[in-house]
């Protein structure tokens, strides 16, 4: 389950990542970050993996805190609005509907989604 709200501790990027697996090596962290397409961003921070993210990750945008690549591969995405299910489908299907999910996607990434219709066949 990936929620819209993300939580980061007032600690380093490394410490936040190690929360999931305290025994992970630097190589394992970097492999996971590369898979989430966030390694280059982290490497570009002033102190890389040792950069303090700030309380609840306030220094990062929503997309930087929550790497939506997780949701892109989901079999089913349920979109809730004020506790009601308003949309359901895959990432591609929901973008094609141009509803709330597409709006959230556009807001999160700061750009209009590419036309997904070619992927629907």
PDB file of N, CA and C in Angstrom:
ATOM      1  N   UNK A   1       0.847  -1.173   0.000  1.00  0.00           N
ATOM      2  CA  UNK A   1       0.000   0.000   0.000  1.00  0.00           C
ATOM      3  C   UNK A   1       0.894   1.239   0.000  1.00  0.00           C
ATOM      4  N   UNK A   2       0.632   2.155  -0.909  1.00  0.00           N
ATOM      5  CA  UNK A   2       1.367   3.404  -0.992  1.00  0.00           C
ATOM      6  C   UNK A   2       0.366   4.519  -0.744  1.00  0.00           C
ATOM      7  N   UNK A   3       0.552   5.259   0.342  1.00  0.00           N
ATOM      8  CA  UNK A   3      -0.365   6.347   0.651  1.00  0.00           C
ATOM      9  C   UNK A   3       0.150   7.649   0.061  1.00  0.00           C
ATOM     10  N   UNK A   4      -0.715   8.633  -0.039  1.00  0.00           N
ATOM     11  CA  UNK A   4      -0.318   9.945  -0.545  1.00  0.00           C
ATOM     12  C   UNK A   4       0.626  10.631   0.441  1.00  0.00           C
ATOM     13  N   UNK A   5       0.408  10.428   1.727  1.00  0.00           N
ATOM     14  CA  UNK A   5       1.246  11.034   2.758  1.00  0.00           C
ATOM     15  C   UNK A   5       2.472  10.159   2.991  1.00  0.00           C
ATOM     16  N   UNK A   6       3.626  10.780   3.022  1.00  0.00           N
ATOM     17  CA  UNK A   6       4.860  10.050   3.272  1.00  0.00           C
ATOM     18  C   UNK A   6       5.483  10.546   4.565  1.00  0.00           C
ATOM     19  N   UNK A   7       6.272   9.693   5.196  1.00  0.00           N
ATOM     20  CA  UNK A   7       6.903  10.050   6.464  1.00  0.00           C
ATOM     21  C   UNK A   7       8.392   9.787   6.388  1.00  0.00           C
ATOM     22  N   UNK A   8       9.153  10.792   6.728  1.00  0.00           N
ATOM     23  CA  UNK A   8      10.590  10.656   6.847  1.00  0.00           C
ATOM     24  C   UNK A   8      10.977  11.169   8.224  1.00  0.00           C
ATOM     25  N   UNK A   9      11.974  10.535   8.821  1.00  0.00           N
ATOM     26  CA  UNK A   9      12.458  10.963  10.124  1.00  0.00           C
ATOM     27  C   UNK A   9      13.451  12.105   9.965  1.00  0.00           C
ATOM     28  N   UNK A  10      13.545  12.953  10.980  1.00  0.00           N
ATOM     29  CA  UNK A  10      14.526  14.035  10.994  1.00  0.00           C
ATOM     30  C   UNK A  10      15.889  13.398  11.246  1.00  0.00           C
ATOM     31  N   UNK A  11      16.471  12.921  10.180  1.00  0.00           N
ATOM     32  CA  UNK A  11      17.730  12.194  10.231  1.00  0.00           C
ATOM     33  C   UNK A  11      18.311  12.196   8.815  1.00  0.00           C
ATOM     34  N   UNK A  12      19.347  11.440   8.606  1.00  0.00           N
ATOM     35  CA  UNK A  12      19.959  11.395   7.286  1.00  0.00           C
ATOM     36  C   UNK A  12      19.140  10.536   6.325  1.00  0.00           C
ATOM     37  N   UNK A  13      19.412  10.726   5.049  1.00  0.00           N
ATOM     38  CA  UNK A  13      18.793   9.875   4.035  1.00  0.00           C
ATOM     39  C   UNK A  13      19.128   8.418   4.349  1.00  0.00           C
ATOM     40  N   UNK A  14      20.397   8.172   4.678  1.00  0.00           N
ATOM     41  CA  UNK A  14      20.853   6.807   4.988  1.00  0.00           C
ATOM     42  C   UNK A  14      20.045   6.208   6.142  1.00  0.00           C
ATOM     43  N   UNK A  15      19.879   6.959   7.218  1.00  0.00           N
ATOM     44  CA  UNK A  15      19.144   6.452   8.385  1.00  0.00           C
ATOM     45  C   UNK A  15      17.699   6.135   8.031  1.00  0.00           C
ATOM     46  N   UNK A  16      17.088   6.973   7.202  1.00  0.00           N
ATOM     47  CA  UNK A  16      15.714   6.712   6.776  1.00  0.00           C
ATOM     48  C   UNK A  16      15.628   5.448   5.937  1.00  0.00           C
ATOM     49  N   UNK A  17      16.607   5.257   5.061  1.00  0.00           N
ATOM     50  CA  UNK A  17      16.612   4.047   4.234  1.00  0.00           C
ATOM     51  C   UNK A  17      16.885   2.800   5.069  1.00  0.00           C
ATOM     52  N   UNK A  18      17.761   2.923   6.046  1.00  0.00           N
ATOM     53  CA  UNK A  18      18.104   1.772   6.892  1.00  0.00           C
ATOM     54  C   UNK A  18      16.962   1.360   7.817  1.00  0.00           C
ATOM     55  N   UNK A  19      15.959   2.195   7.948  1.00  0.00           N
ATOM     56  CA  UNK A  19      14.801   1.840   8.773  1.00  0.00           C
ATOM     57  C   UNK A  19      14.160   0.551   8.262  1.00  0.00           C
ATOM     58  N   UNK A  20      14.154   0.366   6.956  1.00  0.00           N
ATOM     59  CA  UNK A  20      13.563  -0.841   6.361  1.00  0.00           C
ATOM     60  C   UNK A  20      14.434  -2.070   6.568  1.00  0.00           C
ATOM     61  N   UNK A  21      15.749  -1.889   6.588  1.00  0.00           N
ATOM     62  CA  UNK A  21      16.677  -3.006   6.764  1.00  0.00           C
ATOM     63  C   UNK A  21      17.950  -2.480   7.432  1.00  0.00           C
ATOM     64  N   UNK A  22      17.979  -2.479   8.775  1.00  0.00           N
ATOM     65  CA  UNK A  22      19.106  -1.896   9.507  1.00  0.00           C
ATOM     66  C   UNK A  22      20.472  -2.501   9.163  1.00  0.00           C
ATOM     67  N   UNK A  23      20.481  -3.697   8.624  1.00  0.00           N
ATOM     68  CA  UNK A  23      21.745  -4.362   8.309  1.00  0.00           C
ATOM     69  C   UNK A  23      22.173  -4.197   6.854  1.00  0.00           C
ATOM     70  N   UNK A  24      21.441  -3.403   6.076  1.00  0.00           N
ATOM     71  CA  UNK A  24      21.769  -3.232   4.658  1.00  0.00           C
ATOM     72  C   UNK A  24      23.124  -2.553   4.499  1.00  0.00           C
ATOM     73  N   UNK A  25      23.861  -2.999   3.515  1.00  0.00           N
ATOM     74  CA  UNK A  25      25.162  -2.400   3.212  1.00  0.00           C
ATOM     75  C   UNK A  25      24.954  -1.176   2.326  1.00  0.00           C
ATOM     76  N   UNK A  26      26.010  -0.382   2.163  1.00  0.00           N
ATOM     77  CA  UNK A  26      25.939   0.776   1.271  1.00  0.00           C
ATOM     78  C   UNK A  26      25.619   0.323  -0.157  1.00  0.00           C
ATOM     79  N   UNK A  27      26.211  -0.780  -0.564  1.00  0.00           N
ATOM     80  CA  UNK A  27      25.944  -1.296  -1.915  1.00  0.00           C
ATOM     81  C   UNK A  27      24.472  -1.671  -2.069  1.00  0.00           C
ATOM     82  N   UNK A  28      23.891  -2.276  -1.048  1.00  0.00           N
ATOM     83  CA  UNK A  28      22.473  -2.644  -1.104  1.00  0.00           C
ATOM     84  C   UNK A  28      21.584  -1.401  -1.130  1.00  0.00           C
ATOM     85  N   UNK A  29      21.936  -0.384  -0.350  1.00  0.00           N
ATOM     86  CA  UNK A  29      21.180   0.874  -0.372  1.00  0.00           C
ATOM     87  C   UNK A  29      21.210   1.490  -1.764  1.00  0.00           C
ATOM     88  N   UNK A  30      22.402   1.543  -2.340  1.00  0.00           N
ATOM     89  CA  UNK A  30      22.538   2.143  -3.659  1.00  0.00           C
ATOM     90  C   UNK A  30      21.792   1.345  -4.725  1.00  0.00           C
ATOM     91  N   UNK A  31      21.811   0.028  -4.625  1.00  0.00           N
ATOM     92  CA  UNK A  31      21.080  -0.810  -5.573  1.00  0.00           C
ATOM     93  C   UNK A  31      19.583  -0.529  -5.481  1.00  0.00           C
ATOM     94  N   UNK A  32      19.065  -0.442  -4.255  1.00  0.00           N
ATOM     95  CA  UNK A  32      17.639  -0.151  -4.059  1.00  0.00           C
ATOM     96  C   UNK A  32      17.294   1.242  -4.581  1.00  0.00           C
ATOM     97  N   UNK A  33      18.158   2.199  -4.319  1.00  0.00           N
ATOM     98  CA  UNK A  33      17.906   3.572  -4.767  1.00  0.00           C
ATOM     99  C   UNK A  33      17.981   3.693  -6.279  1.00  0.00           C
ATOM    100  N   UNK A  34      18.885   2.951  -6.896  1.00  0.00           N
ATOM    101  CA  UNK A  34      18.948   2.953  -8.364  1.00  0.00           C
ATOM    102  C   UNK A  34      17.658   2.358  -8.939  1.00  0.00           C
ATOM    103  N   UNK A  35      17.162   1.296  -8.319  1.00  0.00           N
ATOM    104  CA  UNK A  35      15.925   0.661  -8.788  1.00  0.00           C
ATOM    105  C   UNK A  35      14.740   1.616  -8.660  1.00  0.00           C
ATOM    106  N   UNK A  36      14.780   2.499  -7.660  1.00  0.00           N
ATOM    107  CA  UNK A  36      13.711   3.471  -7.451  1.00  0.00           C
ATOM    108  C   UNK A  36      13.977   4.786  -8.185  1.00  0.00           C
ATOM    109  N   UNK A  37      15.039   4.822  -8.974  1.00  0.00           N
ATOM    110  CA  UNK A  37      15.418   6.011  -9.737  1.00  0.00           C
ATOM    111  C   UNK A  37      15.622   7.247  -8.857  1.00  0.00           C
ATOM    112  N   UNK A  38      16.221   7.054  -7.675  1.00  0.00           N
ATOM    113  CA  UNK A  38      16.466   8.165  -6.765  1.00  0.00           C
ATOM    114  C   UNK A  38      17.945   8.308  -6.415  1.00  0.00           C
ATOM    115  N   UNK A  39      18.775   7.354  -6.822  1.00  0.00           N
ATOM    116  CA  UNK A  39      20.194   7.389  -6.456  1.00  0.00           C
ATOM    117  C   UNK A  39      20.884   8.661  -6.950  1.00  0.00           C
ATOM    118  N   UNK A  40      20.674   9.042  -8.194  1.00  0.00           N
ATOM    119  CA  UNK A  40      21.339  10.227  -8.731  1.00  0.00           C
ATOM    120  C   UNK A  40      20.932  11.482  -7.967  1.00  0.00           C
ATOM    121  N   UNK A  41      19.654  11.563  -7.598  1.00  0.00           N
ATOM    122  CA  UNK A  41      19.190  12.704  -6.796  1.00  0.00           C
ATOM    123  C   UNK A  41      19.919  12.736  -5.453  1.00  0.00           C
ATOM    124  N   UNK A  42      19.982  11.583  -4.782  1.00  0.00           N
ATOM    125  CA  UNK A  42      20.645  11.518  -3.470  1.00  0.00           C
ATOM    126  C   UNK A  42      22.123  11.856  -3.610  1.00  0.00           C
ATOM    127  N   UNK A  43      22.767  11.311  -4.625  1.00  0.00           N
ATOM    128  CA  UNK A  43      24.192  11.572  -4.839  1.00  0.00           C
ATOM    129  C   UNK A  43      24.451  13.059  -5.071  1.00  0.00           C
ATOM    130  N   UNK A  44      23.474  13.776  -5.593  1.00  0.00           N
ATOM    131  CA  UNK A  44      23.618  15.196  -5.848  1.00  0.00           C
ATOM    132  C   UNK A  44      23.331  16.094  -4.653  1.00  0.00           C
ATOM    133  N   UNK A  45      22.873  15.514  -3.549  1.00  0.00           N
ATOM    134  CA  UNK A  45      22.622  16.297  -2.329  1.00  0.00           C
ATOM    135  C   UNK A  45      23.953  16.744  -1.732  1.00  0.00           C
ATOM    136  N   UNK A  46      23.940  17.810  -0.942  1.00  0.00           N
ATOM    137  CA  UNK A  46      25.200  18.334  -0.387  1.00  0.00           C
ATOM    138  C   UNK A  46      26.067  17.288   0.307  1.00  0.00           C
ATOM    139  N   UNK A  47      25.452  16.385   1.050  1.00  0.00           N
ATOM    140  CA  UNK A  47      26.198  15.339   1.748  1.00  0.00           C
ATOM    141  C   UNK A  47      25.778  13.941   1.314  1.00  0.00           C
ATOM    142  N   UNK A  48      25.215  13.834   0.130  1.00  0.00           N
ATOM    143  CA  UNK A  48      24.810  12.529  -0.385  1.00  0.00           C
ATOM    144  C   UNK A  48      23.888  11.801   0.578  1.00  0.00           C
ATOM    145  N   UNK A  49      24.184  10.556   0.832  1.00  0.00           N
ATOM    146  CA  UNK A  49      23.357   9.733   1.713  1.00  0.00           C
ATOM    147  C   UNK A  49      23.402  10.214   3.168  1.00  0.00           C
ATOM    148  N   UNK A  50      24.342  11.079   3.487  1.00  0.00           N
ATOM    149  CA  UNK A  50      24.457  11.604   4.850  1.00  0.00           C
ATOM    150  C   UNK A  50      23.788  12.970   5.010  1.00  0.00           C
ATOM    151  N   UNK A  51      23.013  13.403   4.033  1.00  0.00           N
ATOM    152  CA  UNK A  51      22.264  14.652   4.119  1.00  0.00           C
ATOM    153  C   UNK A  51      21.084  14.465   5.059  1.00  0.00           C
ATOM    154  N   UNK A  52      20.894  15.406   5.971  1.00  0.00           N
ATOM    155  CA  UNK A  52      19.740  15.369   6.878  1.00  0.00           C
ATOM    156  C   UNK A  52      18.527  15.860   6.099  1.00  0.00           C
ATOM    157  N   UNK A  53      17.449  15.094   6.164  1.00  0.00           N
ATOM    158  CA  UNK A  53      16.268  15.417   5.367  1.00  0.00           C
ATOM    159  C   UNK A  53      15.343  16.399   6.049  1.00  0.00           C
ATOM    160  N   UNK A  54      15.449  16.588   7.337  1.00  0.00           N
ATOM    161  CA  UNK A  54      14.560  17.516   8.030  1.00  0.00           C
ATOM    162  C   UNK A  54      13.307  16.824   8.514  1.00  0.00           C
ATOM    163  N   UNK A  55      12.658  17.456   9.466  1.00  0.00           N
ATOM    164  CA  UNK A  55      11.449  16.901  10.077  1.00  0.00           C
ATOM    165  C   UNK A  55      10.411  16.543   9.032  1.00  0.00           C
ATOM    166  N   UNK A  56       9.975  15.289   9.023  1.00  0.00           N
ATOM    167  CA  UNK A  56       8.984  14.743   8.087  1.00  0.00           C
ATOM    168  C   UNK A  56       9.383  14.955   6.636  1.00  0.00           C
ATOM    169  N   UNK A  57      10.680  15.164   6.384  1.00  0.00           N
ATOM    170  CA  UNK A  57      11.159  15.312   5.018  1.00  0.00           C
ATOM    171  C   UNK A  57      10.784  16.624   4.367  1.00  0.00           C
ATOM    172  N   UNK A  58      10.606  17.681   5.165  1.00  0.00           N
ATOM    173  CA  UNK A  58      10.127  18.952   4.621  1.00  0.00           C
ATOM    174  C   UNK A  58      11.026  19.536   3.548  1.00  0.00           C
ATOM    175  N   UNK A  59      12.256  19.116   3.474  1.00  0.00           N
ATOM    176  CA  UNK A  59      13.166  19.654   2.457  1.00  0.00           C
ATOM    177  C   UNK A  59      12.958  19.031   1.082  1.00  0.00           C
ATOM    178  N   UNK A  60      12.150  17.980   0.997  1.00  0.00           N
ATOM    179  CA  UNK A  60      11.955  17.281  -0.265  1.00  0.00           C
ATOM    180  C   UNK A  60      10.530  17.443  -0.769  1.00  0.00           C
ATOM    181  N   UNK A  61      10.369  17.384  -2.083  1.00  0.00           N
ATOM    182  CA  UNK A  61       9.032  17.395  -2.676  1.00  0.00           C
ATOM    183  C   UNK A  61       8.384  16.033  -2.458  1.00  0.00           C
ATOM    184  N   UNK A  62       7.094  15.956  -2.740  1.00  0.00           N
ATOM    185  CA  UNK A  62       6.397  14.683  -2.602  1.00  0.00           C
ATOM    186  C   UNK A  62       6.991  13.588  -3.457  1.00  0.00           C
ATOM    187  N   UNK A  63       7.380  13.944  -4.673  1.00  0.00           N
ATOM    188  CA  UNK A  63       7.972  12.949  -5.568  1.00  0.00           C
ATOM    189  C   UNK A  63       9.322  12.467  -5.100  1.00  0.00           C
ATOM    190  N   UNK A  64      10.070  13.341  -4.422  1.00  0.00           N
ATOM    191  CA  UNK A  64      11.371  12.955  -3.906  1.00  0.00           C
ATOM    192  C   UNK A  64      11.227  12.086  -2.667  1.00  0.00           C
ATOM    193  N   UNK A  65      10.187  12.328  -1.881  1.00  0.00           N
ATOM    194  CA  UNK A  65       9.970  11.517  -0.679  1.00  0.00           C
ATOM    195  C   UNK A  65       9.384  10.156  -1.042  1.00  0.00           C
ATOM    196  N   UNK A  66       8.502  10.161  -2.007  1.00  0.00           N
ATOM    197  CA  UNK A  66       7.773   8.938  -2.351  1.00  0.00           C
ATOM    198  C   UNK A  66       8.031   8.633  -3.813  1.00  0.00           C
ATOM    199  N   UNK A  67       8.793   7.655  -4.108  1.00  0.00           N
ATOM    200  CA  UNK A  67       9.115   7.327  -5.484  1.00  0.00           C
ATOM    201  C   UNK A  67       8.009   6.535  -6.088  1.00  0.00           C
ATOM    202  N   UNK A  68       7.042   7.253  -6.943  1.00  0.00           N
ATOM    203  CA  UNK A  68       5.828   6.637  -7.470  1.00  0.00           C
ATOM    204  C   UNK A  68       6.082   5.491  -8.418  1.00  0.00           C
ATOM    205  N   UNK A  69       7.429   5.111  -8.686  1.00  0.00           N
ATOM    206  CA  UNK A  69       7.696   3.921  -9.488  1.00  0.00           C
ATOM    207  C   UNK A  69       7.068   2.703  -8.834  1.00  0.00           C
ATOM    208  N   UNK A  70       6.905   2.727  -7.525  1.00  0.00           N
ATOM    209  CA  UNK A  70       6.232   1.652  -6.804  1.00  0.00           C
ATOM    210  C   UNK A  70       4.814   1.495  -7.321  1.00  0.00           C
ATOM    211  N   UNK A  71       4.119   2.604  -7.447  1.00  0.00           N
ATOM    212  CA  UNK A  71       2.723   2.543  -7.867  1.00  0.00           C
ATOM    213  C   UNK A  71       2.587   2.257  -9.359  1.00  0.00           C
ATOM    214  N   UNK A  72       3.582   2.632 -10.144  1.00  0.00           N
ATOM    215  CA  UNK A  72       3.500   2.407 -11.587  1.00  0.00           C
ATOM    216  C   UNK A  72       3.416   0.930 -11.929  1.00  0.00           C
ATOM    217  N   UNK A  73       3.987   0.083 -11.090  1.00  0.00           N
ATOM    218  CA  UNK A  73       3.997  -1.352 -11.356  1.00  0.00           C
ATOM    219  C   UNK A  73       2.865  -2.093 -10.654  1.00  0.00           C
ATOM    220  N   UNK A  74       1.990  -1.374  -9.968  1.00  0.00           N
ATOM    221  CA  UNK A  74       0.904  -2.019  -9.214  1.00  0.00           C
ATOM    222  C   UNK A  74      -0.106  -2.677 -10.148  1.00  0.00           C
ATOM    223  N   UNK A  75      -0.618  -3.832  -9.731  1.00  0.00           N
ATOM    224  CA  UNK A  75      -1.658  -4.516 -10.499  1.00  0.00           C
ATOM    225  C   UNK A  75      -2.974  -3.740 -10.473  1.00  0.00           C
ATOM    226  N   UNK A  76      -3.284  -3.160  -9.324  1.00  0.00           N
ATOM    227  CA  UNK A  76      -4.508  -2.389  -9.156  1.00  0.00           C
ATOM    228  C   UNK A  76      -4.211  -1.178  -8.291  1.00  0.00           C
ATOM    229  N   UNK A  77      -4.704  -0.040  -8.701  1.00  0.00           N
ATOM    230  CA  UNK A  77      -4.578   1.189  -7.935  1.00  0.00           C
ATOM    231  C   UNK A  77      -5.985   1.621  -7.559  1.00  0.00           C
ATOM    232  N   UNK A  78      -6.188   1.875  -6.288  1.00  0.00           N
ATOM    233  CA  UNK A  78      -7.476   2.357  -5.803  1.00  0.00           C
ATOM    234  C   UNK A  78      -7.289   3.818  -5.408  1.00  0.00           C
ATOM    235  N   UNK A  79      -8.109   4.680  -5.958  1.00  0.00           N
ATOM    236  CA  UNK A  79      -8.014   6.105  -5.672  1.00  0.00           C
ATOM    237  C   UNK A  79      -9.167   6.477  -4.760  1.00  0.00           C
ATOM    238  N   UNK A  80      -8.825   6.944  -3.575  1.00  0.00           N
ATOM    239  CA  UNK A  80      -9.827   7.345  -2.595  1.00  0.00           C
ATOM    240  C   UNK A  80      -9.886   8.860  -2.526  1.00  0.00           C
ATOM    241  N   UNK A  81     -11.088   9.389  -2.408  1.00  0.00           N
ATOM    242  CA  UNK A  81     -11.289  10.822  -2.225  1.00  0.00           C
ATOM    243  C   UNK A  81     -12.291  10.992  -1.097  1.00  0.00           C
ATOM    244  N   UNK A  82     -11.829  11.589   0.003  1.00  0.00           N
ATOM    245  CA  UNK A  82     -12.654  11.768   1.196  1.00  0.00           C
ATOM    246  C   UNK A  82     -13.291  10.450   1.642  1.00  0.00           C
ATOM    247  N   UNK A  83     -12.502   9.383   1.596  1.00  0.00           N
ATOM    248  CA  UNK A  83     -12.950   8.081   2.055  1.00  0.00           C
ATOM    249  C   UNK A  83     -13.777   7.279   1.063  1.00  0.00           C
ATOM    250  N   UNK A  84     -14.027   7.833  -0.106  1.00  0.00           N
ATOM    251  CA  UNK A  84     -14.808   7.120  -1.118  1.00  0.00           C
ATOM    252  C   UNK A  84     -13.904   6.649  -2.243  1.00  0.00           C
ATOM    253  N   UNK A  85     -14.157   5.435  -2.736  1.00  0.00           N
ATOM    254  CA  UNK A  85     -13.440   4.915  -3.892  1.00  0.00           C
ATOM    255  C   UNK A  85     -13.970   5.627  -5.135  1.00  0.00           C
ATOM    256  N   UNK A  86     -13.092   6.381  -5.808  1.00  0.00           N
ATOM    257  CA  UNK A  86     -13.543   7.144  -6.974  1.00  0.00           C
ATOM    258  C   UNK A  86     -12.964   6.625  -8.285  1.00  0.00           C
ATOM    259  N   UNK A  87     -11.854   5.894  -8.209  1.00  0.00           N
ATOM    260  CA  UNK A  87     -11.262   5.322  -9.416  1.00  0.00           C
ATOM    261  C   UNK A  87     -10.539   4.034  -9.055  1.00  0.00           C
ATOM    262  N   UNK A  88     -10.448   3.150 -10.053  1.00  0.00           N
ATOM    263  CA  UNK A  88      -9.746   1.885  -9.861  1.00  0.00           C
ATOM    264  C   UNK A  88      -9.205   1.431 -11.202  1.00  0.00           C
ATOM    265  N   UNK A  89      -7.955   0.948 -11.205  1.00  0.00           N
ATOM    266  CA  UNK A  89      -7.362   0.451 -12.435  1.00  0.00           C
ATOM    267  C   UNK A  89      -5.852   0.446 -12.347  1.00  0.00           C
ATOM    268  N   UNK A  90      -5.203   0.212 -13.472  1.00  0.00           N
ATOM    269  CA  UNK A  90      -3.742   0.270 -13.524  1.00  0.00           C
ATOM    270  C   UNK A  90      -3.326   1.721 -13.753  1.00  0.00           C
ATOM    271  N   UNK A  91      -2.045   1.980 -13.623  1.00  0.00           N
ATOM    272  CA  UNK A  91      -1.512   3.323 -13.856  1.00  0.00           C
ATOM    273  C   UNK A  91      -1.915   3.823 -15.238  1.00  0.00           C
ATOM    274  N   UNK A  92      -1.718   3.018 -16.255  1.00  0.00           N
ATOM    275  CA  UNK A  92      -2.021   3.406 -17.637  1.00  0.00           C
ATOM    276  C   UNK A  92      -3.512   3.666 -17.817  1.00  0.00           C
ATOM    277  N   UNK A  93      -4.341   2.781 -17.271  1.00  0.00           N
ATOM    278  CA  UNK A  93      -5.793   2.955 -17.397  1.00  0.00           C
ATOM    279  C   UNK A  93      -6.259   4.244 -16.723  1.00  0.00           C
ATOM    280  N   UNK A  94      -5.713   4.518 -15.544  1.00  0.00           N
ATOM    281  CA  UNK A  94      -6.139   5.700 -14.806  1.00  0.00           C
ATOM    282  C   UNK A  94      -5.654   6.992 -15.463  1.00  0.00           C
ATOM    283  N   UNK A  95      -4.476   6.977 -16.055  1.00  0.00           N
ATOM    284  CA  UNK A  95      -4.023   8.157 -16.788  1.00  0.00           C
ATOM    285  C   UNK A  95      -4.931   8.421 -17.981  1.00  0.00           C
ATOM    286  N   UNK A  96      -5.340   7.362 -18.660  1.00  0.00           N
ATOM    287  CA  UNK A  96      -6.190   7.503 -19.845  1.00  0.00           C
ATOM    288  C   UNK A  96      -7.556   8.103 -19.488  1.00  0.00           C
ATOM    289  N   UNK A  97      -8.017   7.868 -18.261  1.00  0.00           N
ATOM    290  CA  UNK A  97      -9.320   8.414 -17.830  1.00  0.00           C
ATOM    291  C   UNK A  97      -9.255   9.904 -17.519  1.00  0.00           C
ATOM    292  N   UNK A  98      -8.057  10.424 -17.317  1.00  0.00           N
ATOM    293  CA  UNK A  98      -7.863  11.860 -17.049  1.00  0.00           C
ATOM    294  C   UNK A  98      -8.688  12.357 -15.859  1.00  0.00           C
ATOM    295  N   UNK A  99      -8.794  11.525 -14.843  1.00  0.00           N
ATOM    296  CA  UNK A  99      -9.549  11.887 -13.642  1.00  0.00           C
ATOM    297  C   UNK A  99      -8.648  12.339 -12.509  1.00  0.00           C
ATOM    298  N   UNK A 100      -9.067  12.031 -11.288  1.00  0.00           N
ATOM    299  CA  UNK A 100      -8.331  12.452 -10.100  1.00  0.00           C
ATOM    300  C   UNK A 100      -6.916  11.882 -10.073  1.00  0.00           C
ATOM    301  N   UNK A 101      -6.764  10.610 -10.405  1.00  0.00           N
ATOM    302  CA  UNK A 101      -5.424   9.999 -10.401  1.00  0.00           C
ATOM    303  C   UNK A 101      -4.496  10.743 -11.364  1.00  0.00           C
ATOM    304  N   UNK A 102      -4.966  11.015 -12.574  1.00  0.00           N
ATOM    305  CA  UNK A 102      -4.144  11.728 -13.560  1.00  0.00           C
ATOM    306  C   UNK A 102      -3.784  13.113 -13.039  1.00  0.00           C
ATOM    307  N   UNK A 103      -4.733  13.769 -12.374  1.00  0.00           N
ATOM    308  CA  UNK A 103      -4.456  15.091 -11.801  1.00  0.00           C
ATOM    309  C   UNK A 103      -3.397  14.985 -10.699  1.00  0.00           C
ATOM    310  N   UNK A 104      -3.518  14.000  -9.826  1.00  0.00           N
ATOM    311  CA  UNK A 104      -2.525  13.816  -8.763  1.00  0.00           C
ATOM    312  C   UNK A 104      -1.152  13.500  -9.353  1.00  0.00           C
ATOM    313  N   UNK A 105      -1.134  12.683 -10.375  1.00  0.00           N
ATOM    314  CA  UNK A 105       0.125  12.337 -11.045  1.00  0.00           C
ATOM    315  C   UNK A 105       0.777  13.588 -11.621  1.00  0.00           C
ATOM    316  N   UNK A 106      -0.023  14.398 -12.300  1.00  0.00           N
ATOM    317  CA  UNK A 106       0.489  15.634 -12.896  1.00  0.00           C
ATOM    318  C   UNK A 106       1.016  16.575 -11.808  1.00  0.00           C
ATOM    319  N   UNK A 107       0.290  16.704 -10.721  1.00  0.00           N
ATOM    320  CA  UNK A 107       0.702  17.561  -9.609  1.00  0.00           C
ATOM    321  C   UNK A 107       1.987  17.050  -8.975  1.00  0.00           C
ATOM    322  N   UNK A 108       2.079  15.747  -8.787  1.00  0.00           N
ATOM    323  CA  UNK A 108       3.234  15.135  -8.137  1.00  0.00           C
ATOM    324  C   UNK A 108       4.511  15.320  -8.940  1.00  0.00           C
ATOM    325  N   UNK A 109       4.424  15.162 -10.249  1.00  0.00           N
ATOM    326  CA  UNK A 109       5.611  15.198 -11.081  1.00  0.00           C
ATOM    327  C   UNK A 109       5.796  16.516 -11.824  1.00  0.00           C
ATOM    328  N   UNK A 110       4.828  17.436 -11.689  1.00  0.00           N
ATOM    329  CA  UNK A 110       4.975  18.752 -12.285  1.00  0.00           C
ATOM    330  C   UNK A 110       4.918  18.772 -13.791  1.00  0.00           C
ATOM    331  N   UNK A 111       4.352  17.733 -14.374  1.00  0.00           N
ATOM    332  CA  UNK A 111       4.227  17.689 -15.832  1.00  0.00           C
ATOM    333  C   UNK A 111       3.029  16.849 -16.208  1.00  0.00           C
ATOM    334  N   UNK A 112       2.511  17.108 -17.385  1.00  0.00           N
ATOM    335  CA  UNK A 112       1.394  16.299 -17.859  1.00  0.00           C
ATOM    336  C   UNK A 112       1.909  14.914 -18.208  1.00  0.00           C
ATOM    337  N   UNK A 113       1.131  13.876 -17.866  1.00  0.00           N
ATOM    338  CA  UNK A 113       1.581  12.514 -18.214  1.00  0.00           C
ATOM    339  C   UNK A 113       1.570  12.328 -19.717  1.00  0.00           C
ATOM    340  N   UNK A 114       2.517  11.506 -20.176  1.00  0.00           N
ATOM    341  CA  UNK A 114       2.542  11.169 -21.602  1.00  0.00           C
ATOM    342  C   UNK A 114       1.288  10.406 -21.949  1.00  0.00           C
ATOM    343  N   UNK A 115       0.858  10.508 -23.170  1.00  0.00           N
ATOM    344  CA  UNK A 115      -0.342   9.811 -23.604  1.00  0.00           C
ATOM    345  C   UNK A 115      -0.162   8.314 -23.461  1.00  0.00           C
ATOM    346  N   UNK A 116      -0.954   7.668 -22.605  1.00  0.00           N
ATOM    347  CA  UNK A 116      -0.779   6.239 -22.355  1.00  0.00           C
ATOM    348  C   UNK A 116      -1.591   5.362 -23.283  1.00  0.00           C
ATOM    349  N   UNK A 117      -2.343   5.919 -24.203  1.00  0.00           N
ATOM    350  CA  UNK A 117      -3.259   5.114 -25.006  1.00  0.00           C
ATOM    351  C   UNK A 117      -2.572   4.032 -25.804  1.00  0.00           C
ATOM    352  N   UNK A 118      -1.345   4.256 -26.228  1.00  0.00           N
ATOM    353  CA  UNK A 118      -0.643   3.238 -27.016  1.00  0.00           C
ATOM    354  C   UNK A 118      -0.324   2.004 -26.198  1.00  0.00           C
ATOM    355  N   UNK A 119      -0.303   2.138 -24.866  1.00  0.00           N
ATOM    356  CA  UNK A 119       0.012   1.009 -23.993  1.00  0.00           C
ATOM    357  C   UNK A 119      -1.238   0.211 -23.608  1.00  0.00           C
ATOM    358  N   UNK A 120      -2.412   0.655 -24.011  1.00  0.00           N
ATOM    359  CA  UNK A 120      -3.640  -0.004 -23.589  1.00  0.00           C
ATOM    360  C   UNK A 120      -4.002  -1.221 -24.424  1.00  0.00           C
ATOM    361  N   UNK A 121      -3.332  -1.437 -25.534  1.00  0.00           N
ATOM    362  CA  UNK A 121      -3.706  -2.540 -26.413  1.00  0.00           C
ATOM    363  C   UNK A 121      -3.328  -3.873 -25.825  1.00  0.00           C
TER     364      UNK A 121
END
